[in-house]
């Protein structure tokens, strides 16, 4: 009984039409990425998808996305020379995780004897912003 022919994983994948189609799409996306890097490297655009003529590009932030939307016609015309399948471009800002919540820091209290000294200092001062500030501090700490 003859043994089945052994194929490498790459040969087996190369025979799959779905795999070949996916690889062609990846090659297209990589080509568009390199074209963008060549024509407008300062924008730092990342190709996200190309579906039915809509090219989705990711920008580093929302401000950059707004600037790119203004220059979309020139970017699209530069891309059309090499990539005629690009009909429209959508710019989306990169999503970032929200800032972490600040850890809870318990309110530190001024010791009572120090409060008494601050109160006495405030009482010994003439009418001034310093005296008003000391009185507010002592009142806030006590109340």
N, C-alpha and C. Protein backbone atom coordinates (compact mmCIF):
# COMPACT_ATOMS: atom_id res chain seq x y z
N UNK A 1 0.84 -1.17 0.00
CA UNK A 1 0.00 0.00 0.00
C UNK A 1 0.89 1.24 0.00
N UNK A 2 0.71 2.14 -0.98
CA UNK A 2 1.58 3.31 -1.06
C UNK A 2 1.24 4.33 0.04
N UNK A 3 2.26 4.97 0.51
CA UNK A 3 2.07 6.00 1.53
C UNK A 3 1.57 7.29 0.87
N UNK A 4 0.76 8.07 1.62
CA UNK A 4 0.31 9.34 1.03
C UNK A 4 1.49 10.30 0.88
N UNK A 5 1.38 11.14 -0.11
CA UNK A 5 2.45 12.11 -0.37
C UNK A 5 2.42 13.15 0.74
N UNK A 6 3.57 13.40 1.29
CA UNK A 6 3.65 14.39 2.35
C UNK A 6 3.97 15.75 1.75
N UNK A 7 3.19 16.73 2.15
CA UNK A 7 3.41 18.10 1.70
C UNK A 7 3.83 18.96 2.88
N UNK A 8 4.66 19.91 2.59
CA UNK A 8 5.00 20.86 3.65
C UNK A 8 3.78 21.76 3.88
N UNK A 9 3.75 22.37 5.03
CA UNK A 9 2.62 23.25 5.35
C UNK A 9 2.50 24.37 4.32
N UNK A 10 3.62 24.90 3.89
CA UNK A 10 3.58 25.98 2.90
C UNK A 10 3.00 25.50 1.58
N UNK A 11 3.42 24.31 1.12
CA UNK A 11 2.89 23.77 -0.13
C UNK A 11 1.39 23.52 -0.01
N UNK A 12 0.99 23.00 1.13
CA UNK A 12 -0.43 22.72 1.35
C UNK A 12 -1.24 24.02 1.34
N UNK A 13 -0.71 25.07 2.00
CA UNK A 13 -1.40 26.36 2.01
C UNK A 13 -1.42 27.00 0.63
N UNK A 14 -0.33 26.86 -0.11
CA UNK A 14 -0.28 27.44 -1.45
C UNK A 14 -1.34 26.84 -2.38
N UNK A 15 -1.77 25.63 -2.10
CA UNK A 15 -2.80 25.00 -2.91
C UNK A 15 -4.20 25.51 -2.56
N UNK A 16 -4.34 26.19 -1.43
CA UNK A 16 -5.64 26.69 -1.00
C UNK A 16 -5.95 28.02 -1.68
N UNK A 17 -7.09 28.12 -2.39
CA UNK A 17 -7.42 29.39 -3.03
C UNK A 17 -7.71 30.51 -2.01
N UNK A 18 -8.28 30.15 -0.87
CA UNK A 18 -8.56 31.15 0.16
C UNK A 18 -7.26 31.74 0.71
N UNK A 19 -6.28 30.89 0.91
CA UNK A 19 -4.99 31.35 1.41
C UNK A 19 -4.33 32.27 0.39
N UNK A 20 -4.35 31.88 -0.86
CA UNK A 20 -3.75 32.72 -1.90
C UNK A 20 -4.43 34.08 -1.97
N UNK A 21 -5.74 34.09 -1.85
CA UNK A 21 -6.49 35.35 -1.88
C UNK A 21 -6.12 36.22 -0.68
N UNK A 22 -6.03 35.60 0.49
CA UNK A 22 -5.67 36.35 1.69
C UNK A 22 -4.25 36.92 1.57
N UNK A 23 -3.33 36.14 1.04
CA UNK A 23 -1.96 36.62 0.89
C UNK A 23 -1.87 37.76 -0.13
N UNK A 24 -2.67 37.69 -1.19
CA UNK A 24 -2.70 38.80 -2.15
C UNK A 24 -3.20 40.08 -1.47
N UNK A 25 -4.21 39.94 -0.62
CA UNK A 25 -4.75 41.09 0.10
C UNK A 25 -3.69 41.66 1.05
N UNK A 26 -2.99 40.79 1.75
CA UNK A 26 -1.92 41.24 2.65
C UNK A 26 -0.83 41.95 1.86
N UNK A 27 -0.46 41.42 0.72
CA UNK A 27 0.55 42.08 -0.12
C UNK A 27 0.09 43.46 -0.56
N UNK A 28 -1.20 43.58 -0.89
CA UNK A 28 -1.75 44.89 -1.27
C UNK A 28 -1.66 45.87 -0.11
N UNK A 29 -2.07 45.43 1.08
CA UNK A 29 -2.02 46.30 2.26
C UNK A 29 -0.58 46.74 2.57
N UNK A 30 0.34 45.80 2.48
CA UNK A 30 1.74 46.15 2.74
C UNK A 30 2.28 47.11 1.69
N UNK A 31 1.87 46.93 0.44
CA UNK A 31 2.30 47.84 -0.62
C UNK A 31 1.77 49.25 -0.40
N UNK A 32 0.49 49.34 0.01
CA UNK A 32 -0.09 50.66 0.31
C UNK A 32 0.64 51.29 1.48
N UNK A 33 0.96 50.49 2.49
CA UNK A 33 1.68 51.00 3.66
C UNK A 33 3.03 51.57 3.25
N UNK A 34 3.75 50.87 2.39
CA UNK A 34 5.06 51.37 1.98
C UNK A 34 4.92 52.62 1.10
N UNK A 35 3.88 52.69 0.29
CA UNK A 35 3.65 53.88 -0.52
C UNK A 35 3.36 55.09 0.37
N UNK A 36 2.52 54.89 1.38
CA UNK A 36 2.21 55.98 2.32
C UNK A 36 3.46 56.44 3.06
N UNK A 37 4.28 55.50 3.46
CA UNK A 37 5.52 55.85 4.17
C UNK A 37 6.46 56.63 3.26
N UNK A 38 6.40 56.37 1.97
CA UNK A 38 7.26 57.07 1.04
C UNK A 38 6.73 58.48 0.72
N UNK A 39 5.41 58.61 0.52
CA UNK A 39 4.88 59.92 0.11
C UNK A 39 4.64 60.87 1.27
N UNK A 40 4.25 60.36 2.44
CA UNK A 40 3.97 61.22 3.60
C UNK A 40 4.45 60.56 4.89
N UNK A 41 5.77 60.42 5.07
CA UNK A 41 6.28 59.72 6.26
C UNK A 41 5.98 60.45 7.57
N UNK A 42 5.84 61.77 7.51
CA UNK A 42 5.61 62.53 8.75
C UNK A 42 4.25 62.26 9.37
N UNK A 43 3.31 61.71 8.60
CA UNK A 43 1.96 61.45 9.13
C UNK A 43 1.88 60.18 9.98
N UNK A 44 2.83 59.28 9.79
CA UNK A 44 2.88 58.01 10.55
C UNK A 44 1.54 57.26 10.48
N UNK A 45 1.06 57.08 9.25
CA UNK A 45 -0.21 56.39 9.02
C UNK A 45 0.00 54.88 9.03
N UNK A 46 -1.00 54.16 9.54
CA UNK A 46 -0.96 52.70 9.57
C UNK A 46 -2.19 52.19 8.81
N UNK A 47 -1.97 51.31 7.85
CA UNK A 47 -3.07 50.74 7.08
C UNK A 47 -3.80 49.73 7.95
N UNK A 48 -5.12 49.92 8.07
CA UNK A 48 -5.95 49.01 8.87
C UNK A 48 -6.68 48.03 7.97
N UNK A 49 -7.33 48.54 6.92
CA UNK A 49 -8.08 47.65 6.03
C UNK A 49 -8.33 48.31 4.69
N UNK A 50 -8.65 47.49 3.73
CA UNK A 50 -9.09 47.93 2.40
C UNK A 50 -10.25 47.03 2.03
N UNK A 51 -11.44 47.61 1.99
CA UNK A 51 -12.64 46.81 1.72
C UNK A 51 -13.55 47.60 0.80
N UNK A 52 -13.82 47.04 -0.37
CA UNK A 52 -14.72 47.65 -1.36
C UNK A 52 -14.31 49.07 -1.70
N UNK A 53 -13.02 49.31 -1.85
CA UNK A 53 -12.50 50.62 -2.23
C UNK A 53 -12.29 51.59 -1.09
N UNK A 54 -12.72 51.22 0.12
CA UNK A 54 -12.55 52.10 1.29
C UNK A 54 -11.28 51.70 2.03
N UNK A 55 -10.31 52.60 2.03
CA UNK A 55 -9.05 52.37 2.73
C UNK A 55 -9.16 53.02 4.10
N UNK A 56 -8.98 52.24 5.14
CA UNK A 56 -9.02 52.77 6.50
C UNK A 56 -7.60 52.88 7.01
N UNK A 57 -7.25 54.10 7.44
CA UNK A 57 -5.91 54.38 7.95
C UNK A 57 -6.01 54.84 9.39
N UNK A 58 -5.07 54.40 10.19
CA UNK A 58 -5.03 54.79 11.60
C UNK A 58 -3.96 55.86 11.80
N UNK A 59 -4.34 56.90 12.55
CA UNK A 59 -3.41 58.00 12.84
C UNK A 59 -3.02 57.93 14.31
N UNK A 60 -1.91 58.57 14.69
CA UNK A 60 -1.46 58.50 16.08
C UNK A 60 -2.45 59.12 17.08
N UNK A 61 -3.21 60.14 16.65
CA UNK A 61 -4.14 60.80 17.58
C UNK A 61 -5.23 61.51 16.79
N UNK A 62 -6.19 62.08 17.51
CA UNK A 62 -7.33 62.72 16.87
C UNK A 62 -6.92 63.97 16.10
N UNK A 63 -5.97 64.73 16.62
CA UNK A 63 -5.53 65.94 15.93
C UNK A 63 -4.89 65.58 14.59
N UNK A 64 -4.12 64.52 14.58
CA UNK A 64 -3.49 64.07 13.35
C UNK A 64 -4.56 63.59 12.35
N UNK A 65 -5.58 62.93 12.84
CA UNK A 65 -6.67 62.48 11.97
C UNK A 65 -7.36 63.67 11.32
N UNK A 66 -7.57 64.74 12.08
CA UNK A 66 -8.21 65.93 11.52
C UNK A 66 -7.34 66.56 10.43
N UNK A 67 -6.03 66.62 10.66
CA UNK A 67 -5.13 67.17 9.64
C UNK A 67 -5.14 66.30 8.38
N UNK A 68 -5.17 64.99 8.58
CA UNK A 68 -5.17 64.07 7.44
C UNK A 68 -6.46 64.19 6.62
N UNK A 69 -7.58 64.40 7.30
CA UNK A 69 -8.85 64.57 6.58
C UNK A 69 -8.79 65.78 5.66
N UNK A 70 -8.10 66.82 6.09
CA UNK A 70 -7.98 68.01 5.25
C UNK A 70 -7.11 67.75 4.03
N UNK A 71 -6.13 66.90 4.15
CA UNK A 71 -5.24 66.62 3.01
C UNK A 71 -5.60 65.31 2.32
N UNK A 72 -6.78 64.77 2.58
CA UNK A 72 -7.20 63.50 1.99
C UNK A 72 -7.18 63.51 0.47
N UNK A 73 -7.64 64.57 -0.21
CA UNK A 73 -7.60 64.53 -1.68
C UNK A 73 -6.18 64.36 -2.25
N UNK A 74 -5.20 65.03 -1.66
CA UNK A 74 -3.84 64.89 -2.18
C UNK A 74 -3.26 63.51 -1.87
N UNK A 75 -3.57 62.97 -0.70
CA UNK A 75 -3.10 61.63 -0.36
C UNK A 75 -3.74 60.60 -1.28
N UNK A 76 -5.06 60.75 -1.51
CA UNK A 76 -5.76 59.80 -2.38
C UNK A 76 -5.21 59.86 -3.80
N UNK A 77 -4.97 61.07 -4.33
CA UNK A 77 -4.46 61.17 -5.70
C UNK A 77 -3.07 60.56 -5.82
N UNK A 78 -2.24 60.71 -4.78
CA UNK A 78 -0.92 60.08 -4.81
C UNK A 78 -1.03 58.56 -4.76
N UNK A 79 -1.98 58.05 -3.98
CA UNK A 79 -2.16 56.60 -3.90
C UNK A 79 -2.75 56.03 -5.19
N UNK A 80 -3.64 56.77 -5.84
CA UNK A 80 -4.31 56.27 -7.04
C UNK A 80 -3.34 55.96 -8.16
N UNK A 81 -2.19 56.61 -8.19
CA UNK A 81 -1.22 56.33 -9.24
C UNK A 81 -0.73 54.88 -9.18
N UNK A 82 -0.58 54.34 -7.95
CA UNK A 82 -0.09 52.97 -7.81
C UNK A 82 -1.17 51.99 -7.39
N UNK A 83 -2.21 52.48 -6.73
CA UNK A 83 -3.24 51.62 -6.18
C UNK A 83 -4.63 52.10 -6.61
N UNK A 84 -5.04 51.77 -7.82
CA UNK A 84 -6.33 52.26 -8.33
C UNK A 84 -7.54 51.71 -7.58
N UNK A 85 -7.35 50.66 -6.82
CA UNK A 85 -8.49 50.09 -6.08
C UNK A 85 -8.91 50.96 -4.89
N UNK A 86 -8.08 51.95 -4.52
CA UNK A 86 -8.42 52.85 -3.40
C UNK A 86 -9.33 53.95 -3.95
N UNK A 87 -10.59 53.95 -3.50
CA UNK A 87 -11.56 54.95 -3.96
C UNK A 87 -11.74 56.07 -2.93
N UNK A 88 -11.84 55.70 -1.66
CA UNK A 88 -12.01 56.68 -0.59
C UNK A 88 -11.10 56.29 0.57
N UNK A 89 -10.82 57.28 1.42
CA UNK A 89 -9.94 57.03 2.57
C UNK A 89 -10.66 57.50 3.83
N UNK A 90 -10.58 56.67 4.85
CA UNK A 90 -11.13 57.04 6.16
C UNK A 90 -9.97 57.04 7.16
N UNK A 91 -9.90 58.12 7.94
CA UNK A 91 -8.85 58.25 8.96
C UNK A 91 -9.46 58.06 10.33
N UNK A 92 -8.86 57.18 11.12
CA UNK A 92 -9.35 56.95 12.48
C UNK A 92 -8.18 57.13 13.44
N UNK A 93 -8.43 57.79 14.56
CA UNK A 93 -7.35 57.93 15.55
C UNK A 93 -7.09 56.61 16.25
N UNK A 94 -5.87 56.42 16.66
CA UNK A 94 -5.50 55.20 17.38
C UNK A 94 -6.21 55.20 18.72
N UNK A 95 -6.76 54.08 19.06
CA UNK A 95 -7.45 53.95 20.34
C UNK A 95 -6.42 53.69 21.42
N UNK A 96 -6.56 54.41 22.50
CA UNK A 96 -5.67 54.20 23.62
C UNK A 96 -6.49 53.89 24.85
N UNK A 97 -5.91 53.16 25.72
CA UNK A 97 -6.60 52.87 26.97
C UNK A 97 -6.72 54.15 27.77
N UNK A 98 -7.80 54.26 28.50
CA UNK A 98 -7.99 55.46 29.33
C UNK A 98 -6.89 55.57 30.36
N UNK A 99 -6.71 56.76 30.82
CA UNK A 99 -5.70 56.95 31.85
C UNK A 99 -6.08 56.15 33.08
N UNK A 100 -5.10 55.57 33.71
CA UNK A 100 -5.42 54.82 34.93
C UNK A 100 -5.90 55.77 36.01
N UNK A 101 -6.82 55.28 36.79
CA UNK A 101 -7.33 56.10 37.88
C UNK A 101 -6.21 56.34 38.88
N UNK A 102 -6.21 57.54 39.41
CA UNK A 102 -5.20 57.86 40.41
C UNK A 102 -5.50 57.07 41.67
N UNK A 103 -4.48 56.55 42.30
CA UNK A 103 -4.73 55.78 43.53
C UNK A 103 -5.28 56.70 44.62
N UNK A 104 -6.13 56.14 45.43
CA UNK A 104 -6.70 56.91 46.53
C UNK A 104 -5.62 57.22 47.55
N UNK A 105 -5.51 58.49 47.86
CA UNK A 105 -4.54 58.94 48.87
C UNK A 105 -5.36 59.55 50.00
N UNK A 106 -5.31 58.94 51.16
CA UNK A 106 -6.12 59.48 52.25
C UNK A 106 -5.65 60.88 52.62
N UNK A 107 -6.62 61.70 53.00
CA UNK A 107 -6.30 63.07 53.37
C UNK A 107 -5.49 63.06 54.67
N UNK A 108 -4.35 63.71 54.61
CA UNK A 108 -3.50 63.74 55.80
C UNK A 108 -3.95 64.87 56.70
N UNK A 109 -4.06 64.59 57.95
CA UNK A 109 -4.50 65.58 58.93
C UNK A 109 -3.29 66.19 59.63
N UNK A 110 -3.40 67.47 59.91
CA UNK A 110 -2.36 68.15 60.68
C UNK A 110 -2.59 67.80 62.15
N UNK A 111 -1.56 67.42 62.87
CA UNK A 111 -1.74 67.06 64.28
C UNK A 111 -2.35 68.23 65.07
N UNK A 112 -3.16 67.91 66.11
CA UNK A 112 -3.86 68.96 66.87
C UNK A 112 -2.92 70.00 67.50
N UNK A 113 -1.76 69.58 68.02
CA UNK A 113 -0.87 70.56 68.63
C UNK A 113 -0.31 71.54 67.59
N UNK A 114 -0.05 71.04 66.36
CA UNK A 114 0.43 71.91 65.29
C UNK A 114 -0.68 72.87 64.86
N UNK A 115 -1.93 72.36 64.84
CA UNK A 115 -3.05 73.25 64.50
C UNK A 115 -3.17 74.38 65.52
N UNK A 116 -2.99 74.05 66.78
CA UNK A 116 -3.06 75.07 67.83
C UNK A 116 -2.00 76.14 67.62
N UNK A 117 -0.78 75.73 67.26
CA UNK A 117 0.29 76.69 67.03
C UNK A 117 0.02 77.57 65.80
N UNK A 118 -0.54 76.94 64.73
CA UNK A 118 -0.88 77.72 63.55
C UNK A 118 -1.99 78.73 63.85
N UNK A 119 -2.96 78.29 64.69
CA UNK A 119 -4.04 79.19 65.08
C UNK A 119 -3.48 80.37 65.89
N UNK A 120 -2.56 80.09 66.80
CA UNK A 120 -1.95 81.15 67.60
C UNK A 120 -1.13 82.09 66.72
N UNK A 121 -0.43 81.54 65.75
CA UNK A 121 0.35 82.37 64.84
C UNK A 121 -0.58 83.29 64.05
N UNK A 122 -1.69 82.74 63.56
CA UNK A 122 -2.65 83.55 62.80
C UNK A 122 -3.24 84.66 63.66
N UNK A 123 -3.50 84.38 64.95
CA UNK A 123 -4.06 85.40 65.84
C UNK A 123 -3.04 86.49 66.13
N UNK A 124 -1.75 86.19 66.11
CA UNK A 124 -0.73 87.19 66.44
C UNK A 124 -0.39 88.09 65.25
N UNK A 125 -0.85 87.74 64.04
CA UNK A 125 -0.53 88.51 62.84
C UNK A 125 -1.51 89.66 62.64
N UNK A 126 -1.04 90.69 61.95
CA UNK A 126 -1.93 91.79 61.56
C UNK A 126 -2.83 91.30 60.44
N UNK A 127 -3.80 92.10 60.06
CA UNK A 127 -4.70 91.76 58.98
C UNK A 127 -3.89 91.64 57.68
N UNK A 128 -3.81 90.41 57.13
CA UNK A 128 -3.01 90.18 55.93
C UNK A 128 -3.51 88.91 55.24
N UNK A 129 -3.10 88.70 54.00
CA UNK A 129 -3.47 87.46 53.30
C UNK A 129 -2.94 86.22 54.01
N UNK A 130 -1.77 86.32 54.64
CA UNK A 130 -1.21 85.18 55.37
C UNK A 130 -2.11 84.80 56.53
N UNK A 131 -2.58 85.80 57.28
CA UNK A 131 -3.46 85.51 58.42
C UNK A 131 -4.76 84.87 57.92
N UNK A 132 -5.32 85.38 56.83
CA UNK A 132 -6.55 84.81 56.28
C UNK A 132 -6.32 83.36 55.84
N UNK A 133 -5.18 83.11 55.23
CA UNK A 133 -4.87 81.75 54.77
C UNK A 133 -4.71 80.80 55.95
N UNK A 134 -4.04 81.24 57.00
CA UNK A 134 -3.87 80.39 58.19
C UNK A 134 -5.22 80.09 58.84
N UNK A 135 -6.09 81.09 58.93
CA UNK A 135 -7.42 80.86 59.53
C UNK A 135 -8.23 79.86 58.69
N UNK A 136 -8.16 79.99 57.35
CA UNK A 136 -8.89 79.03 56.50
C UNK A 136 -8.33 77.62 56.66
N UNK A 137 -7.01 77.52 56.72
CA UNK A 137 -6.37 76.20 56.91
C UNK A 137 -6.81 75.57 58.21
N UNK A 138 -6.78 76.30 59.30
CA UNK A 138 -7.14 75.76 60.60
C UNK A 138 -8.62 75.39 60.60
N UNK A 139 -9.47 76.24 60.04
CA UNK A 139 -10.91 75.93 60.01
C UNK A 139 -11.19 74.69 59.19
N UNK A 140 -10.52 74.56 58.06
CA UNK A 140 -10.74 73.39 57.20
C UNK A 140 -10.25 72.12 57.88
N UNK A 141 -9.16 72.19 58.57
CA UNK A 141 -8.62 70.99 59.25
C UNK A 141 -9.47 70.58 60.46
N UNK A 142 -10.04 71.53 61.13
CA UNK A 142 -10.85 71.23 62.32
C UNK A 142 -12.27 70.80 61.95
N UNK A 143 -12.74 71.31 60.83
CA UNK A 143 -14.16 71.08 60.53
C UNK A 143 -14.40 70.12 59.47
